[in-house]
Amino acid sequence: MKFFFTLSILLAAAGLSFAQSVATEIIISVPDQQLAVVDRGKLISKYPISTSKFGLGDSNGSYRTPLGVLFVSAKFGDRLPSGSVIKNRVATGEIVNPNAPGRDAIVSRVIWLRGLEQQNRAARDRCIYIHGTAEERSIGRPSSFGCIRMKSRDVVALYDFAHIGMHVTITQGKIDNFIQQHNDEEPSLWARSD
């Protein structure tokens, strides 16, 4: 009993729970315009997103979405109301409704990414985030300036699940390529005839 209590304290300190393992990762599919939370090939959740309208890449000033393996390096927006405007990773106090005319603010939550590969090494300096957007009508097609945009309710759910150090893969592959297809007819030890 003491072991499980100690383990839960360690997991909580790391931002994890028993339902979430260190193998849990975020997959972002550029062609699908979707983000999936996957644990050892099992789909946990999936959300529509928007990547850059300027294409893919990581050069400074390009406004492109970087590819490859990154990780969550910081999070901002704990307990902010949905639609809260965040500027320079600080809440301004303003709340914007989804699709408010003339507003393209970062809202609700910010998950800051850092690259792990040569092809995405500038991501943190470029302030590549997963964040909420006031322009929810653009979700599902490339429309950002390099970041990964999400609907407010979706980024709030992801934020509560994501932890510092969690791997994020941005890929030109399909989400289905990262999900293991489970065969319900696999034999169990009880069903074996040998």
Protein backbone atom coordinates (compact mmCIF):
# COMPACT_ATOMS: atom_id res chain seq x y z
CA MET A 1 0.00 0.00 0.00
CA LYS A 2 2.85 2.37 0.89
CA PHE A 3 4.44 1.67 -2.54
CA PHE A 4 1.30 2.77 -4.43
CA PHE A 5 0.94 5.87 -2.26
CA THR A 6 4.56 6.84 -2.92
CA LEU A 7 4.15 6.08 -6.65
CA SER A 8 1.03 8.26 -6.87
CA ILE A 9 2.87 11.14 -5.19
CA LEU A 10 5.80 10.79 -7.63
CA LEU A 11 3.45 10.60 -10.63
CA ALA A 12 1.45 13.61 -9.41
CA ALA A 13 4.68 15.60 -8.97
CA ALA A 14 5.54 14.77 -12.58
CA GLY A 15 2.03 15.74 -13.73
CA LEU A 16 1.06 12.11 -14.45
CA SER A 17 -1.66 9.77 -13.20
CA PHE A 18 -2.15 6.00 -13.21
CA ALA A 19 -4.33 6.43 -16.33
CA GLN A 20 -1.44 8.11 -18.15
CA SER A 21 1.99 6.59 -18.69
CA VAL A 22 5.31 8.04 -19.74
CA ALA A 23 4.68 6.31 -23.09
CA THR A 24 1.75 8.66 -23.74
CA GLU A 25 2.51 11.05 -26.59
CA ILE A 26 0.87 13.63 -28.82
CA ILE A 27 0.75 12.99 -32.57
CA ILE A 28 -0.07 15.89 -34.91
CA SER A 29 -0.95 14.91 -38.47
CA VAL A 30 -0.54 17.72 -41.00
CA PRO A 31 -2.56 15.99 -43.79
CA ASP A 32 -5.35 14.97 -41.37
CA GLN A 33 -5.27 18.35 -39.58
CA GLN A 34 -5.78 16.36 -36.38
CA LEU A 35 -4.03 15.92 -33.06
CA ALA A 36 -4.19 12.59 -31.24
CA VAL A 37 -3.14 11.56 -27.76
CA VAL A 38 -1.76 8.02 -28.02
CA ASP A 39 -0.49 5.63 -25.35
CA ARG A 40 1.53 2.66 -26.69
CA GLY A 41 -0.48 2.65 -29.92
CA LYS A 42 -3.86 3.04 -28.22
CA LEU A 43 -5.88 6.13 -29.13
CA ILE A 44 -6.82 8.12 -26.01
CA SER A 45 -8.37 11.19 -27.68
CA LYS A 46 -8.39 13.03 -31.00
CA TYR A 47 -9.04 16.69 -31.88
CA PRO A 48 -9.23 18.80 -35.06
CA ILE A 49 -6.42 21.37 -35.36
CA SER A 50 -4.85 23.87 -37.75
CA THR A 51 -1.20 23.99 -38.76
CA SER A 52 0.54 26.79 -40.67
CA LYS A 53 -0.96 28.31 -43.79
CA PHE A 54 2.66 28.91 -44.89
CA GLY A 55 3.57 25.22 -44.99
CA LEU A 56 6.21 23.22 -43.16
CA GLY A 57 9.68 24.15 -41.91
CA ASP A 58 11.60 25.64 -39.02
CA SER A 59 13.59 28.58 -40.33
CA ASN A 60 13.36 31.80 -38.33
CA GLY A 61 10.73 34.22 -39.60
CA SER A 62 9.13 31.59 -41.84
CA TYR A 63 5.79 31.21 -39.96
CA ARG A 64 5.91 27.50 -40.87
CA THR A 65 5.05 24.49 -38.71
CA PRO A 66 8.11 22.39 -37.83
CA LEU A 67 8.11 18.62 -38.38
CA GLY A 68 9.59 15.86 -36.23
CA VAL A 69 9.78 15.02 -32.56
CA LEU A 70 9.44 17.83 -30.04
CA PHE A 71 8.45 17.92 -26.38
CA VAL A 72 6.30 20.03 -24.07
CA SER A 73 8.71 22.47 -22.43
CA ALA A 74 6.26 24.74 -20.59
CA LYS A 75 2.53 25.32 -20.05
CA PHE A 76 0.64 28.56 -19.42
CA GLY A 77 -2.98 29.22 -18.55
CA ASP A 78 -3.76 27.14 -15.46
CA ARG A 79 -7.43 27.57 -14.53
CA LEU A 80 -8.02 30.53 -16.88
CA PRO A 81 -11.57 30.87 -18.17
CA SER A 82 -12.06 29.57 -21.71
CA GLY A 83 -11.43 32.33 -24.24
CA SER A 84 -8.95 34.22 -22.02
CA VAL A 85 -6.50 36.16 -24.19
CA ILE A 86 -2.85 35.22 -23.62
CA LYS A 87 -0.15 37.56 -24.87
CA ASN A 88 3.55 36.80 -24.35
CA ARG A 89 2.45 33.83 -22.21
CA VAL A 90 0.57 36.10 -19.77
CA ALA A 91 -3.22 36.47 -19.46
CA THR A 92 -4.35 39.99 -20.39
CA GLY A 93 -7.65 39.79 -18.49
CA GLU A 94 -9.68 39.97 -21.71
CA ILE A 95 -12.00 37.12 -22.72
CA VAL A 96 -12.86 36.65 -26.40
CA ASN A 97 -15.77 34.60 -27.70
CA PRO A 98 -15.10 32.01 -30.43
CA ASN A 99 -15.10 33.56 -33.91
CA ALA A 100 -15.31 37.14 -32.61
CA PRO A 101 -15.01 39.43 -35.65
CA GLY A 102 -11.55 40.80 -36.30
CA ARG A 103 -9.86 38.83 -33.51
CA ASP A 104 -7.04 36.36 -34.03
CA ALA A 105 -5.85 36.06 -30.45
CA ILE A 106 -4.12 33.20 -28.66
CA VAL A 107 -6.66 32.10 -26.06
CA SER A 108 -7.38 29.68 -23.21
CA ARG A 109 -4.08 27.73 -22.90
CA VAL A 110 -0.52 27.66 -24.25
CA ILE A 111 1.61 24.51 -24.51
CA TRP A 112 5.14 25.58 -25.52
CA LEU A 113 7.16 23.14 -27.63
CA ARG A 114 10.91 22.56 -27.88
CA GLY A 115 12.48 20.58 -30.72
CA LEU A 116 14.50 17.42 -30.19
CA GLU A 117 15.90 17.19 -33.70
CA GLN A 118 18.05 19.26 -36.04
CA GLN A 119 15.02 19.88 -38.28
CA ASN A 120 13.06 21.56 -35.44
CA ARG A 121 15.78 23.01 -33.20
CA ALA A 122 14.44 26.59 -33.52
CA ALA A 123 10.87 25.72 -32.41
CA ARG A 124 11.17 27.07 -28.86
CA ASP A 125 12.89 30.31 -29.92
CA ARG A 126 10.18 30.73 -32.57
CA CYS A 127 7.53 30.31 -29.84
CA ILE A 128 5.86 27.32 -31.48
CA TYR A 129 2.86 26.52 -29.31
CA ILE A 130 -0.18 24.33 -29.19
CA HIS A 131 -2.79 26.93 -28.23
CA GLY A 132 -6.42 27.92 -28.35
CA THR A 133 -7.59 30.25 -31.08
CA ALA A 134 -10.40 32.77 -31.25
CA GLU A 135 -10.78 31.84 -34.94
CA GLU A 136 -12.36 28.44 -34.37
CA ARG A 137 -14.04 28.48 -37.79
CA SER A 138 -10.56 27.96 -39.35
CA ILE A 139 -9.89 24.74 -37.43
CA GLY A 140 -9.52 21.74 -39.75
CA ARG A 141 -7.46 23.50 -42.42
CA PRO A 142 -3.99 25.09 -42.40
CA SER A 143 -4.47 28.66 -41.14
CA SER A 144 -1.92 29.39 -38.40
CA PHE A 145 1.36 31.29 -38.38
CA GLY A 146 3.39 28.20 -37.43
CA CYS A 147 1.68 27.09 -34.23
CA ILE A 148 -0.86 24.32 -33.72
CA ARG A 149 -4.27 25.91 -33.19
CA MET A 150 -7.14 24.22 -31.36
CA LYS A 151 -10.66 25.05 -30.24
CA SER A 152 -10.70 26.39 -26.68
CA ARG A 153 -12.57 23.43 -25.17
CA ASP A 154 -10.14 21.03 -26.88
CA VAL A 155 -6.94 22.79 -25.80
CA VAL A 156 -8.23 22.97 -22.21
CA ALA A 157 -8.78 19.19 -22.24
CA LEU A 158 -5.35 18.56 -23.81
CA TYR A 159 -3.64 20.97 -21.39
CA ASP A 160 -4.94 19.08 -18.38
CA PHE A 161 -3.59 15.84 -19.86
CA ALA A 162 -0.23 17.06 -21.23
CA HIS A 163 2.82 17.17 -18.99
CA ILE A 164 6.25 18.77 -19.18
CA GLY A 165 8.52 16.44 -21.16
CA MET A 166 5.67 14.76 -23.08
CA HIS A 167 6.75 13.96 -26.64
CA VAL A 168 4.95 15.63 -29.53
CA THR A 169 5.41 14.28 -33.07
CA ILE A 170 4.42 16.55 -35.95
CA THR A 171 4.21 14.41 -39.06
CA GLN A 172 3.16 14.26 -42.69
CA GLY A 173 1.80 10.79 -41.91
CA LYS A 174 -1.80 9.93 -41.08
CA ILE A 175 -2.97 9.51 -37.48
CA ASP A 176 -4.05 5.94 -38.30
CA ASN A 177 -0.38 5.05 -38.95
CA PHE A 178 0.31 5.62 -35.23
CA ILE A 179 -2.67 3.65 -33.91
CA GLN A 180 -2.38 -0.09 -33.44
CA GLN A 181 -5.29 -2.00 -34.91
CA HIS A 182 -6.55 -4.33 -32.19
CA ASN A 183 -7.89 -7.70 -33.26
CA ASP A 184 -10.80 -8.64 -30.98
CA GLU A 185 -10.35 -12.28 -31.95
CA GLU A 186 -6.84 -12.71 -30.54
CA PRO A 187 -6.64 -15.96 -28.60
CA SER A 188 -6.18 -15.66 -24.86
CA LEU A 189 -4.39 -18.12 -22.62
CA TRP A 190 -7.81 -19.46 -21.59
CA ALA A 191 -8.86 -20.13 -25.17
CA ARG A 192 -5.74 -22.00 -26.30
CA SER A 193 -6.24 -25.60 -27.38
CA ASP A 194 -2.64 -26.74 -26.89
